C-alpha atoms as a PDB file:
ATOM      1  CA  MET A   1     108.110  85.147   3.607  1.00  0.00           C
ATOM      2  CA  ARG A   2     109.396  81.863   2.208  1.00  0.00           C
ATOM      3  CA  LEU A   3     111.882  81.687  -0.657  1.00  0.00           C
ATOM      4  CA  SER A   4     110.717  79.682  -3.669  1.00  0.00           C
ATOM      5  CA  ASN A   5     113.805  77.418  -3.534  1.00  0.00           C
ATOM      6  CA  ILE A   6     112.922  76.360   0.001  1.00  0.00           C
ATOM      7  CA  THR A   7     109.328  75.682  -1.005  1.00  0.00           C
ATOM      8  CA  ARG A   8     110.175  73.504  -3.998  1.00  0.00           C
ATOM      9  CA  GLY A   9     113.732  72.286  -3.312  1.00  0.00           C
ATOM     10  CA  ASN A  10     116.835  73.328  -5.193  1.00  0.00           C
ATOM     11  CA  ARG A  11     117.728  70.175  -7.168  1.00  0.00           C
ATOM     12  CA  TRP A  12     115.449  68.110  -9.374  1.00  0.00           C
ATOM     13  CA  PRO A  13     115.489  64.925  -7.204  1.00  0.00           C
ATOM     14  CA  ASN A  14     114.525  67.018  -4.187  1.00  0.00           C
ATOM     15  CA  ARG A  15     111.821  68.845  -6.129  1.00  0.00           C
ATOM     16  CA  ALA A  16     110.417  65.523  -7.360  1.00  0.00           C
ATOM     17  CA  PHE A  17     110.370  64.077  -3.839  1.00  0.00           C
ATOM     18  CA  LEU A  18     108.593  67.133  -2.401  1.00  0.00           C
ATOM     19  CA  TRP A  19     106.139  67.125  -5.294  1.00  0.00           C
ATOM     20  CA  LEU A  20     105.261  63.459  -4.671  1.00  0.00           C
ATOM     21  CA  ILE A  21     104.664  64.057  -0.980  1.00  0.00           C
ATOM     22  CA  GLY A  22     102.720  67.244  -1.688  1.00  0.00           C
ATOM     23  CA  ARG A  23     100.227  65.366  -3.853  1.00  0.00           C
ATOM     24  CA  LYS A  24      98.751  63.604  -0.796  1.00  0.00           C
ATOM     25  CA  ARG A  25      99.388  66.042   2.069  1.00  0.00           C
ATOM     26  CA  THR A  26     101.022  69.298   3.070  1.00  0.00           C
ATOM     27  CA  VAL A  27     104.796  68.907   3.133  1.00  0.00           C
ATOM     28  CA  PRO A  28     106.147  69.662   6.647  1.00  0.00           C
ATOM     29  CA  ASP A  29     108.662  72.493   6.888  1.00  0.00           C
ATOM     30  CA  VAL A  30     111.266  70.150   8.371  1.00  0.00           C
ATOM     31  CA  LEU A  31     111.257  68.104   5.134  1.00  0.00           C
ATOM     32  CA  ARG A  32     111.484  71.260   3.052  1.00  0.00           C
ATOM     33  CA  THR A  33     114.535  72.338   5.061  1.00  0.00           C
ATOM     34  CA  ILE A  34     116.250  68.954   4.771  1.00  0.00           C
ATOM     35  CA  HIS A  35     115.695  68.860   1.012  1.00  0.00           C
ATOM     36  CA  TYR A  36     116.653  72.496   0.416  1.00  0.00           C
ATOM     37  CA  ARG A  37     120.367  71.897   0.996  1.00  0.00           C
ATOM     38  CA  SER A  38     120.504  68.133   1.321  1.00  0.00           C
ATOM     39  CA  GLY A  39     124.323  68.118   1.381  1.00  0.00           C
ATOM     40  CA  PHE A  40     124.233  70.082   4.617  1.00  0.00           C
ATOM     41  CA  TRP A  41     120.812  69.364   6.128  1.00  0.00           C
ATOM     42  CA  GLY A  42     120.339  65.837   4.787  1.00  0.00           C
ATOM     43  CA  ALA A  43     122.716  63.127   5.975  1.00  0.00           C
ATOM     44  CA  PRO A  44     124.938  65.323   8.204  1.00  0.00           C
ATOM     45  CA  TRP A  45     121.936  66.706  10.100  1.00  0.00           C
ATOM     46  CA  SER A  46     120.305  63.285  10.380  1.00  0.00           C
ATOM     47  CA  ASP A  47     123.581  61.803  11.668  1.00  0.00           C
ATOM     48  CA  ALA A  48     123.838  64.530  14.322  1.00  0.00           C
ATOM     49  CA  LEU A  49     120.255  63.887  15.434  1.00  0.00           C
ATOM     50  CA  GLU A  50     120.907  60.150  15.542  1.00  0.00           C
ATOM     51  CA  ASP A  51     123.913  60.740  17.804  1.00  0.00           C
ATOM     52  CA  ALA A  52     121.861  62.982  20.068  1.00  0.00           C
ATOM     53  CA  LEU A  53     118.967  60.534  20.380  1.00  0.00           C
ATOM     54  CA  ARG A  54     120.891  57.252  20.361  1.00  0.00           C
ATOM     55  CA  GLY A  55     124.417  58.041  21.564  1.00  0.00           C
ATOM     56  CA  PRO A  56     125.793  57.626  25.082  1.00  0.00           C
ATOM     57  CA  SER A  57     123.815  59.517  27.712  1.00  0.00           C
ATOM     58  CA  GLU A  58     122.608  59.398  31.288  1.00  0.00           C
ATOM     59  CA  TRP A  59     119.056  59.436  29.889  1.00  0.00           C
ATOM     60  CA  SER A  60     117.491  56.360  28.333  1.00  0.00           C
ATOM     61  CA  GLN A  61     116.502  56.303  24.663  1.00  0.00           C
ATOM     62  CA  GLY A  62     112.860  56.381  25.710  1.00  0.00           C
ATOM     63  CA  GLU A  63     113.389  59.501  27.828  1.00  0.00           C
ATOM     64  CA  ARG A  64     115.147  61.269  24.968  1.00  0.00           C
ATOM     65  CA  GLU A  65     112.348  60.311  22.547  1.00  0.00           C
ATOM     66  CA  LEU A  66     109.799  61.603  25.042  1.00  0.00           C
ATOM     67  CA  PHE A  67     111.677  64.920  25.341  1.00  0.00           C
ATOM     68  CA  ALA A  68     111.769  65.221  21.543  1.00  0.00           C
ATOM     69  CA  ALA A  69     108.065  64.387  21.205  1.00  0.00           C
ATOM     70  CA  TYR A  70     107.075  66.888  23.896  1.00  0.00           C
ATOM     71  CA  THR A  71     109.220  69.609  22.313  1.00  0.00           C
ATOM     72  CA  SER A  72     107.586  68.914  18.943  1.00  0.00           C
ATOM     73  CA  TYR A  73     104.182  69.131  20.606  1.00  0.00           C
ATOM     74  CA  LEU A  74     105.032  72.497  22.147  1.00  0.00           C
ATOM     75  CA  ASN A  75     106.225  73.733  18.743  1.00  0.00           C
ATOM     76  CA  GLN A  76     102.987  72.438  17.153  1.00  0.00           C
ATOM     77  CA  CYS A  77     105.017  70.090  14.950  1.00  0.00           C
ATOM     78  CA  PRO A  78     103.417  66.820  13.781  1.00  0.00           C
ATOM     79  CA  PHE A  79     106.618  64.817  14.360  1.00  0.00           C
END
């Protein structure tokens, strides 16, 4: 079951963005989540992911990108 707010976004700019994307293709669930509560999932979540993929680590950026791509593949995610 998916709540209607998650499907269409909860604020008009988010709804408009999802509508524009949905005209050409199916909107991925990750975009729906980010635009559902953009104050929480938008910039803060993107900043956390950026730190995880680009911050200091023993693994190279390429290795971290490969791990992320393989995990997405296993989860049948197009990203």
